[in-house]
């Protein structure tokens, strides 16, 4: 798999843009520290904890499935 941390970070950025909210607002809604979100977005963390992704998803009003339902995660390897 490609660099998962960069993919996850970009996915967060995409949802922030779609919902027109800031990283700070997502931090407040999710309870995830702003610095953690910034590290995820910048790809400076090796991996996101599942609990962090769950909190982000809850704050965005989406399921974890929705968060990961995009290429390359929804492609079947042959």
N, C-alpha and C. Protein backbone atom coordinates (compact mmCIF):
# COMPACT_ATOMS: atom_id res chain seq x y z
N UNK A 1 0.86 -1.19 0.00
CA UNK A 1 0.00 0.00 0.00
C UNK A 1 0.89 1.24 0.00
N UNK A 2 0.42 2.26 -0.64
CA UNK A 2 1.14 3.51 -0.67
C UNK A 2 1.25 4.07 0.74
N UNK A 3 1.84 5.22 0.87
CA UNK A 3 2.04 5.83 2.18
C UNK A 3 0.68 6.13 2.83
N UNK A 4 0.26 5.25 3.72
CA UNK A 4 -1.06 5.37 4.35
C UNK A 4 -1.25 6.67 5.09
N UNK A 5 -0.22 7.16 5.78
CA UNK A 5 -0.39 8.38 6.56
C UNK A 5 -0.68 9.58 5.65
N UNK A 6 -0.06 9.63 4.49
CA UNK A 6 -0.34 10.74 3.56
C UNK A 6 -1.74 10.60 2.96
N UNK A 7 -2.14 9.36 2.69
CA UNK A 7 -3.48 9.13 2.14
C UNK A 7 -4.54 9.53 3.16
N UNK A 8 -4.36 9.13 4.41
CA UNK A 8 -5.32 9.48 5.47
C UNK A 8 -5.36 10.99 5.65
N UNK A 9 -4.20 11.62 5.66
CA UNK A 9 -4.15 13.08 5.81
C UNK A 9 -4.87 13.80 4.69
N UNK A 10 -4.68 13.35 3.47
CA UNK A 10 -5.36 13.97 2.34
C UNK A 10 -6.86 13.74 2.41
N UNK A 11 -7.24 12.59 2.91
CA UNK A 11 -8.67 12.30 3.05
C UNK A 11 -9.32 13.26 4.05
N UNK A 12 -8.63 13.52 5.14
CA UNK A 12 -9.14 14.49 6.12
C UNK A 12 -9.27 15.86 5.47
N UNK A 13 -8.25 16.28 4.74
CA UNK A 13 -8.29 17.58 4.05
C UNK A 13 -9.50 17.64 3.11
N UNK A 14 -9.72 16.57 2.36
CA UNK A 14 -10.86 16.55 1.43
C UNK A 14 -12.18 16.73 2.16
N UNK A 15 -12.36 16.03 3.28
CA UNK A 15 -13.60 16.19 4.05
C UNK A 15 -13.72 17.58 4.65
N UNK A 16 -12.61 18.15 5.09
CA UNK A 16 -12.66 19.52 5.63
C UNK A 16 -13.12 20.50 4.55
N UNK A 17 -12.58 20.35 3.35
CA UNK A 17 -12.97 21.23 2.24
C UNK A 17 -14.43 21.03 1.88
N UNK A 18 -14.85 19.76 1.79
CA UNK A 18 -16.25 19.46 1.44
C UNK A 18 -17.23 20.07 2.43
N UNK A 19 -16.84 20.09 3.70
CA UNK A 19 -17.74 20.59 4.75
C UNK A 19 -17.44 22.03 5.15
N UNK A 20 -16.43 22.61 4.52
CA UNK A 20 -16.04 23.99 4.78
C UNK A 20 -15.81 24.25 6.28
N UNK A 21 -15.01 23.35 6.90
CA UNK A 21 -14.64 23.55 8.30
C UNK A 21 -13.12 23.55 8.42
N UNK A 22 -12.66 24.11 9.50
CA UNK A 22 -11.22 24.21 9.74
C UNK A 22 -10.72 23.03 10.55
N UNK A 23 -9.42 22.87 10.55
CA UNK A 23 -8.80 21.84 11.37
C UNK A 23 -9.15 22.09 12.84
N UNK A 24 -9.11 23.35 13.25
CA UNK A 24 -9.43 23.68 14.64
C UNK A 24 -10.86 23.25 14.99
N UNK A 25 -11.79 23.52 14.10
CA UNK A 25 -13.19 23.14 14.36
C UNK A 25 -13.33 21.62 14.45
N UNK A 26 -12.64 20.91 13.57
CA UNK A 26 -12.67 19.45 13.63
C UNK A 26 -12.06 18.96 14.94
N UNK A 27 -11.02 19.61 15.38
CA UNK A 27 -10.39 19.26 16.65
C UNK A 27 -11.37 19.40 17.81
N UNK A 28 -12.07 20.51 17.82
CA UNK A 28 -13.05 20.76 18.89
C UNK A 28 -14.17 19.73 18.84
N UNK A 29 -14.70 19.48 17.64
CA UNK A 29 -15.83 18.54 17.50
C UNK A 29 -15.43 17.10 17.80
N UNK A 30 -14.20 16.72 17.46
CA UNK A 30 -13.77 15.33 17.59
C UNK A 30 -13.09 15.02 18.91
N UNK A 31 -12.55 16.06 19.56
CA UNK A 31 -11.77 15.83 20.77
C UNK A 31 -10.35 15.38 20.48
N UNK A 32 -9.98 15.38 19.22
CA UNK A 32 -8.62 15.02 18.81
C UNK A 32 -7.79 16.30 18.84
N UNK A 33 -6.64 16.27 19.51
CA UNK A 33 -5.82 17.50 19.58
C UNK A 33 -5.49 18.06 18.20
N UNK A 34 -5.51 19.37 18.10
CA UNK A 34 -5.20 20.06 16.86
C UNK A 34 -3.85 19.59 16.30
N UNK A 35 -2.86 19.44 17.18
CA UNK A 35 -1.53 19.02 16.72
C UNK A 35 -1.56 17.63 16.09
N UNK A 36 -2.38 16.74 16.63
CA UNK A 36 -2.51 15.40 16.07
C UNK A 36 -3.10 15.47 14.67
N UNK A 37 -4.14 16.27 14.49
CA UNK A 37 -4.75 16.43 13.18
C UNK A 37 -3.77 17.03 12.18
N UNK A 38 -3.04 18.04 12.60
CA UNK A 38 -2.05 18.67 11.72
C UNK A 38 -0.96 17.66 11.33
N UNK A 39 -0.52 16.86 12.29
CA UNK A 39 0.48 15.83 11.98
C UNK A 39 -0.07 14.81 10.98
N UNK A 40 -1.33 14.43 11.13
CA UNK A 40 -1.94 13.51 10.17
C UNK A 40 -2.03 14.14 8.79
N UNK A 41 -2.46 15.37 8.74
CA UNK A 41 -2.62 16.07 7.46
C UNK A 41 -1.28 16.26 6.77
N UNK A 42 -0.26 16.57 7.53
CA UNK A 42 1.06 16.79 6.96
C UNK A 42 1.82 15.49 6.69
N UNK A 43 1.29 14.37 7.15
CA UNK A 43 1.96 13.10 6.95
C UNK A 43 3.19 12.92 7.81
N UNK A 44 3.26 13.68 8.91
CA UNK A 44 4.43 13.60 9.78
C UNK A 44 4.29 12.56 10.88
N UNK A 45 3.16 11.88 10.91
CA UNK A 45 2.99 10.77 11.83
C UNK A 45 3.01 9.48 11.02
N UNK A 46 3.54 8.42 11.60
CA UNK A 46 3.67 7.17 10.85
C UNK A 46 2.32 6.52 10.57
N UNK A 47 1.43 6.58 11.55
CA UNK A 47 0.11 5.98 11.35
C UNK A 47 -0.88 6.60 12.32
N UNK A 48 -2.13 6.56 11.90
CA UNK A 48 -3.20 7.08 12.75
C UNK A 48 -3.75 5.94 13.60
N UNK A 49 -4.07 6.25 14.82
CA UNK A 49 -4.73 5.26 15.68
C UNK A 49 -6.18 5.12 15.20
N UNK A 50 -6.69 3.92 15.31
CA UNK A 50 -8.07 3.69 14.92
C UNK A 50 -9.02 4.56 15.74
N UNK A 51 -8.72 4.74 17.01
CA UNK A 51 -9.58 5.59 17.85
C UNK A 51 -9.61 7.03 17.35
N UNK A 52 -8.51 7.50 16.79
CA UNK A 52 -8.46 8.85 16.22
C UNK A 52 -9.35 8.93 14.98
N UNK A 53 -9.24 7.94 14.11
CA UNK A 53 -10.06 7.92 12.90
C UNK A 53 -11.54 7.84 13.27
N UNK A 54 -11.88 7.02 14.25
CA UNK A 54 -13.27 6.91 14.70
C UNK A 54 -13.78 8.25 15.21
N UNK A 55 -12.99 8.95 15.99
CA UNK A 55 -13.39 10.26 16.52
C UNK A 55 -13.56 11.29 15.40
N UNK A 56 -12.64 11.27 14.45
CA UNK A 56 -12.73 12.20 13.30
C UNK A 56 -14.00 11.90 12.50
N UNK A 57 -14.25 10.63 12.26
CA UNK A 57 -15.44 10.25 11.49
C UNK A 57 -16.72 10.67 12.20
N UNK A 58 -16.77 10.46 13.51
CA UNK A 58 -17.97 10.86 14.27
C UNK A 58 -18.19 12.37 14.16
N UNK A 59 -17.11 13.13 14.25
CA UNK A 59 -17.22 14.59 14.16
C UNK A 59 -17.65 15.03 12.76
N UNK A 60 -17.25 14.28 11.74
CA UNK A 60 -17.62 14.61 10.37
C UNK A 60 -18.99 14.06 9.99
N UNK A 61 -19.56 13.22 10.85
CA UNK A 61 -20.87 12.64 10.57
C UNK A 61 -20.82 11.54 9.52
N UNK A 62 -19.72 10.81 9.48
CA UNK A 62 -19.57 9.72 8.52
C UNK A 62 -19.14 8.45 9.26
N UNK A 63 -19.25 7.33 8.58
CA UNK A 63 -18.78 6.07 9.14
C UNK A 63 -17.31 5.88 8.77
N UNK A 64 -16.67 4.99 9.47
CA UNK A 64 -15.28 4.64 9.13
C UNK A 64 -15.26 4.03 7.73
N UNK A 65 -16.28 3.27 7.41
CA UNK A 65 -16.39 2.71 6.05
C UNK A 65 -16.39 3.84 5.02
N UNK A 66 -17.19 4.88 5.25
CA UNK A 66 -17.23 6.02 4.32
C UNK A 66 -15.86 6.68 4.20
N UNK A 67 -15.15 6.78 5.32
CA UNK A 67 -13.83 7.42 5.32
C UNK A 67 -12.87 6.68 4.40
N UNK A 68 -12.93 5.35 4.42
CA UNK A 68 -11.99 4.55 3.63
C UNK A 68 -12.57 4.06 2.30
N UNK A 69 -13.76 4.50 1.95
CA UNK A 69 -14.39 4.05 0.71
C UNK A 69 -13.95 4.90 -0.47
N UNK A 70 -12.71 4.71 -0.88
CA UNK A 70 -12.14 5.39 -2.03
C UNK A 70 -10.87 4.64 -2.43
N UNK A 71 -10.45 4.78 -3.69
CA UNK A 71 -9.19 4.12 -4.09
C UNK A 71 -8.04 4.70 -3.29
N UNK A 72 -7.11 3.95 -2.86
CA UNK A 72 -6.83 2.55 -3.16
C UNK A 72 -7.48 1.57 -2.19
N UNK A 73 -8.18 2.05 -1.19
CA UNK A 73 -8.72 1.16 -0.16
C UNK A 73 -9.89 0.32 -0.60
N UNK A 74 -10.64 0.75 -1.59
CA UNK A 74 -11.81 -0.03 -2.00
C UNK A 74 -11.53 -0.84 -3.27
N UNK A 75 -10.28 -0.97 -3.64
CA UNK A 75 -9.91 -1.77 -4.81
C UNK A 75 -9.54 -3.18 -4.37
N UNK A 76 -9.92 -4.13 -5.17
CA UNK A 76 -9.60 -5.52 -4.89
C UNK A 76 -8.32 -5.87 -5.64
N UNK A 77 -7.35 -6.40 -4.89
CA UNK A 77 -6.10 -6.81 -5.52
C UNK A 77 -6.30 -8.14 -6.21
N UNK A 78 -5.73 -8.28 -7.39
CA UNK A 78 -5.86 -9.54 -8.15
C UNK A 78 -4.54 -10.25 -8.21
